[in-house]
Protein backbone atom coordinates (compact mmCIF):
# COMPACT_ATOMS: atom_id res chain seq x y z
CA MET A 1 24.65 71.47 14.30
CA PHE A 2 21.85 71.02 11.81
CA ILE A 3 21.30 67.38 12.67
CA SER A 4 19.81 66.59 16.03
CA ALA A 5 20.99 63.57 17.97
CA ALA A 6 18.77 60.49 17.95
CA TYR A 7 18.58 58.47 21.09
CA ALA A 8 17.31 54.91 21.41
CA GLN A 9 14.28 54.41 23.58
CA THR A 10 13.00 51.37 25.36
CA VAL A 11 9.38 50.34 25.07
CA THR A 12 7.50 51.00 28.26
CA GLY A 13 3.92 50.91 29.38
CA ALA A 14 1.09 49.31 27.41
CA ASP A 15 3.19 48.82 24.25
CA ALA A 16 5.62 46.47 25.97
CA GLY A 17 4.96 42.84 25.02
CA PRO A 18 6.52 39.78 26.59
CA ALA A 19 10.31 39.92 26.54
CA GLY A 20 10.53 36.47 24.92
CA LEU A 21 8.39 37.48 21.94
CA ALA A 22 10.87 40.06 20.73
CA SER A 23 13.75 37.61 20.81
CA LEU A 24 11.59 34.96 19.15
CA MET A 25 10.72 37.30 16.28
CA GLN A 26 14.44 37.71 15.56
CA TYR A 27 14.59 34.04 14.55
CA ALA A 28 11.39 34.09 12.46
CA PRO A 29 13.16 34.92 9.13
CA LEU A 30 15.69 32.15 9.68
CA VAL A 31 12.95 29.62 10.46
CA LEU A 32 11.02 30.77 7.39
CA ILE A 33 14.09 30.27 5.17
CA VAL A 34 14.61 26.74 6.54
CA VAL A 35 10.97 25.85 5.91
CA VAL A 36 11.09 27.20 2.35
CA PHE A 37 14.30 25.30 1.61
CA TYR A 38 12.74 22.11 2.94
CA PHE A 39 9.66 22.33 0.74
CA LEU A 40 11.42 23.61 -2.38
CA LEU A 41 14.65 21.60 -2.32
CA ILE A 42 14.87 18.78 0.19
CA ARG A 43 11.40 17.24 -0.04
CA PRO A 44 11.26 17.01 -3.88
CA GLN A 45 14.76 15.49 -3.93
CA GLN A 46 13.73 12.82 -1.39
CA LYS A 47 10.62 12.08 -3.45
CA GLN A 48 12.70 11.72 -6.63
CA GLN A 49 15.17 9.38 -4.89
CA LYS A 50 12.30 7.27 -3.59
CA THR A 51 10.78 6.83 -7.06
CA LEU A 52 14.18 6.00 -8.59
CA LYS A 53 14.81 3.40 -5.89
CA ALA A 54 11.42 1.83 -6.64
CA LYS A 55 12.17 1.78 -10.38
CA LEU A 56 15.59 0.20 -9.79
CA GLY A 57 14.00 -2.49 -7.66
CA GLY A 58 11.49 -3.25 -10.41
CA LEU A 59 13.92 -3.41 -13.32
CA LYS A 60 13.05 -6.12 -15.79
CA ARG A 61 14.24 -7.39 -19.12
CA GLY A 62 13.56 -4.94 -21.92
CA ASP A 63 13.72 -1.73 -19.85
CA LYS A 64 15.76 1.07 -21.35
CA VAL A 65 18.16 2.68 -18.86
CA VAL A 66 20.64 5.56 -18.68
CA THR A 67 23.75 5.24 -16.53
CA ALA A 68 25.63 7.92 -14.60
CA GLY A 69 28.20 7.95 -17.41
CA GLY A 70 25.53 8.69 -20.02
CA ILE A 71 25.42 5.23 -21.56
CA VAL A 72 21.99 4.25 -22.81
CA GLY A 73 21.23 0.56 -22.95
CA LEU A 74 18.62 -2.16 -22.83
CA VAL A 75 18.38 -4.44 -19.81
CA LYS A 76 19.01 -8.06 -20.81
CA LYS A 77 19.22 -9.70 -17.39
CA ALA A 78 18.18 -8.29 -14.01
CA PRO A 79 18.16 -10.95 -11.27
CA GLU A 80 16.06 -10.09 -8.20
CA GLY A 81 18.17 -9.03 -5.23
CA SER A 82 21.36 -8.81 -7.27
CA THR A 83 23.45 -5.64 -7.30
CA GLU A 84 24.53 -6.22 -10.90
CA ILE A 85 22.48 -6.26 -14.08
CA GLU A 86 23.36 -7.11 -17.67
CA VAL A 87 22.81 -4.28 -20.16
CA GLU A 88 23.11 -4.36 -23.95
CA ILE A 89 24.69 -1.08 -25.11
CA ALA A 90 25.05 -2.04 -28.79
CA PRO A 91 24.00 -5.03 -30.89
CA ASN A 92 25.73 -8.10 -29.45
CA VAL A 93 27.62 -5.98 -26.87
CA THR A 94 26.53 -6.60 -23.27
CA VAL A 95 28.12 -5.26 -20.12
CA ASN A 96 27.52 -5.94 -16.44
CA MET A 97 26.62 -2.81 -14.49
CA VAL A 98 25.96 -2.04 -10.87
CA ARG A 99 22.32 -1.07 -10.26
CA SER A 100 23.28 2.05 -8.34
CA THR A 101 24.97 3.56 -11.42
CA ILE A 102 21.62 3.79 -13.21
CA THR A 103 20.25 7.32 -13.03
CA THR A 104 17.15 7.05 -15.22
CA VAL A 105 14.80 4.31 -16.29
CA LEU A 106 13.31 5.22 -19.66
CA THR A 107 9.97 3.48 -19.84
CA PRO A 108 8.24 3.39 -23.20
CA ALA A 109 5.06 5.42 -23.56
CA PRO A 110 1.91 3.28 -23.53
CA ALA A 111 0.70 2.48 -27.04
CA GLU A 112 -2.52 4.17 -28.07
CA LYS A 113 -5.35 1.97 -29.24
CA SER A 114 -6.99 3.15 -32.44
């Protein structure tokens, strides 16, 4: 009684744009979300994986590494092209580890000249 009925209207005349534009604008938020996710999540993760892969390929004797299990050790032997490396986890305690289990390569900070 006090509320009048509201009826939907179609756009006619000069205001009517191409029919495809309206349907395209429905997908704009979804496309925007995908683009934001790519630049905030996917791209940095790929960059991080690329740098870790490069570090694993360049492992050498004396590098300090952290494994997926949280073990910190010093690389004693890292043959080129081999999937296994020898890591010292305590004095006179060496273990063979698979390269892919290494999550971080801790490189020492460059010494300052004074």
